[in-house]
Amino acid sequence: MASTTTTLVAIVVVACLLASGPQEADAAITCGQVAGYITSCLPYARSGGVIPPKCCSGARALNGAARTTPDRQQVCSCLKSIAGSSGVPYAPGIPSKCGVSVPYVISPSTDCTK
């Protein structure tokens, strides 16, 4: 199980890096960092069930780290990429379950430029 999760995390990080393309000069957060914050959320995002406390602490920390508009757009783009490549049907519910307010739904169709 651990090797499957590790492999999935590696795939997600690579997919994020490839899908995000060049980062905006002002964005300080990378997709690798985003993946690090939410790694513990992946089992829930894929299968549902009980959301791990580490997932919520990571989601809250990520939300706090994304202070500027370019950072928030970069995080959105990374999450959008993860949602589109990893089969994570429960991902959109993570922010509300963790008490994190984000102005978008985690979805492959989200427009991160707004």
Protein backbone atom coordinates (compact mmCIF):
# COMPACT_ATOMS: atom_id res chain seq x y z
CA MET A 1 0.00 0.00 0.00
CA ALA A 2 2.77 2.45 0.88
CA SER A 3 4.52 1.86 -2.43
CA THR A 4 1.24 2.45 -4.30
CA THR A 5 0.72 5.75 -2.47
CA THR A 6 4.34 6.76 -3.06
CA THR A 7 4.01 5.95 -6.74
CA LEU A 8 0.75 7.91 -6.99
CA VAL A 9 2.31 10.92 -5.27
CA ALA A 10 5.27 10.81 -7.66
CA ILE A 11 2.91 10.65 -10.65
CA VAL A 12 0.85 13.54 -9.31
CA VAL A 13 3.94 15.69 -8.74
CA VAL A 14 5.26 14.98 -12.24
CA ALA A 15 1.83 15.60 -13.78
CA CYS A 16 1.56 18.90 -11.91
CA LEU A 17 4.97 20.02 -13.04
CA LEU A 18 4.24 19.12 -16.65
CA ALA A 19 0.73 20.55 -16.70
CA SER A 20 1.52 23.80 -14.95
CA GLY A 21 4.05 24.90 -17.55
CA PRO A 22 6.08 27.99 -16.84
CA GLN A 23 5.16 29.55 -13.54
CA GLU A 24 4.37 33.20 -13.19
CA ALA A 25 7.34 35.16 -11.95
CA ASP A 26 5.53 36.25 -8.80
CA ALA A 27 4.22 32.82 -7.78
CA ALA A 28 6.27 31.48 -4.89
CA ILE A 29 4.45 28.15 -4.55
CA THR A 30 5.30 25.23 -6.82
CA CYS A 31 3.17 22.23 -7.73
CA GLY A 32 5.67 20.07 -5.87
CA GLN A 33 4.97 22.06 -2.72
CA VAL A 34 1.22 21.83 -3.31
CA ALA A 35 1.51 18.05 -3.65
CA GLY A 36 3.51 17.95 -0.42
CA TYR A 37 0.78 19.79 1.46
CA ILE A 38 -2.01 17.52 0.22
CA THR A 39 -0.35 14.10 -0.06
CA SER A 40 -2.28 12.83 2.96
CA CYS A 41 -5.53 13.84 1.23
CA LEU A 42 -5.11 11.49 -1.73
CA PRO A 43 -6.63 8.34 -0.16
CA TYR A 44 -9.75 10.32 0.81
CA ALA A 45 -9.86 12.15 -2.52
CA ARG A 46 -9.87 8.81 -4.37
CA SER A 47 -12.12 6.70 -2.13
CA GLY A 48 -13.99 8.92 0.30
CA GLY A 49 -14.57 7.72 3.86
CA VAL A 50 -13.06 9.46 6.86
CA ILE A 51 -10.90 12.44 6.01
CA PRO A 52 -7.48 12.16 7.71
CA PRO A 53 -6.61 14.93 10.19
CA LYS A 54 -3.27 15.40 8.40
CA CYS A 55 -5.20 16.13 5.20
CA CYS A 56 -7.03 19.00 6.87
CA SER A 57 -3.91 20.39 8.50
CA GLY A 58 -2.17 20.25 5.11
CA ALA A 59 -5.12 21.93 3.37
CA ARG A 60 -5.17 24.69 5.99
CA ALA A 61 -1.40 25.17 5.74
CA LEU A 62 -1.58 25.32 1.95
CA ASN A 63 -4.37 27.87 2.11
CA GLY A 64 -2.29 29.97 4.50
CA ALA A 65 0.81 29.70 2.30
CA ALA A 66 -1.03 30.98 -0.77
CA ARG A 67 -1.07 34.64 0.21
CA THR A 68 -0.77 36.44 -3.12
CA THR A 69 -3.01 36.28 -6.18
CA PRO A 70 -0.26 34.57 -8.25
CA ASP A 71 0.22 32.00 -5.46
CA ARG A 72 -3.52 31.30 -5.28
CA GLN A 73 -3.70 30.96 -9.07
CA GLN A 74 -0.73 28.60 -9.05
CA VAL A 75 -2.29 26.46 -6.30
CA CYS A 76 -5.55 26.40 -8.26
CA SER A 77 -3.70 25.28 -11.41
CA CYS A 78 -1.89 22.53 -9.51
CA LEU A 79 -5.08 21.27 -7.88
CA LYS A 80 -6.87 21.44 -11.24
CA SER A 81 -4.14 19.29 -12.75
CA ILE A 82 -4.35 16.77 -9.92
CA ALA A 83 -8.14 16.61 -10.24
CA GLY A 84 -7.83 15.96 -13.96
CA SER A 85 -5.17 13.29 -13.81
CA SER A 86 -5.66 11.24 -10.68
CA GLY A 87 -9.26 10.04 -10.48
CA VAL A 88 -10.09 11.96 -7.32
CA PRO A 89 -13.90 12.29 -7.22
CA TYR A 90 -13.97 13.33 -3.55
CA ALA A 91 -11.40 16.15 -3.91
CA PRO A 92 -13.98 18.95 -4.36
CA GLY A 93 -15.34 18.27 -0.86
CA ILE A 94 -12.02 18.53 0.96
CA PRO A 95 -11.97 22.31 1.54
CA SER A 96 -15.42 22.42 3.16
CA LYS A 97 -14.79 19.28 5.22
CA CYS A 98 -11.58 20.87 6.50
CA GLY A 99 -13.09 24.30 7.13
CA VAL A 100 -11.01 25.94 4.39
CA SER A 101 -12.61 28.60 2.23
CA VAL A 102 -11.46 28.65 -1.39
CA PRO A 103 -13.17 30.67 -4.13
CA TYR A 104 -13.29 27.78 -6.62
CA VAL A 105 -14.22 24.13 -6.91
CA ILE A 106 -11.37 21.64 -7.31
CA SER A 107 -12.18 20.45 -10.81
CA PRO A 108 -10.48 19.95 -14.17
CA SER A 109 -12.79 22.64 -15.60
CA THR A 110 -11.97 25.37 -13.07
CA ASP A 111 -10.78 28.68 -14.51
CA CYS A 112 -7.80 29.58 -12.32
CA THR A 113 -7.26 32.98 -13.90
CA LYS A 114 -10.17 34.56 -12.04
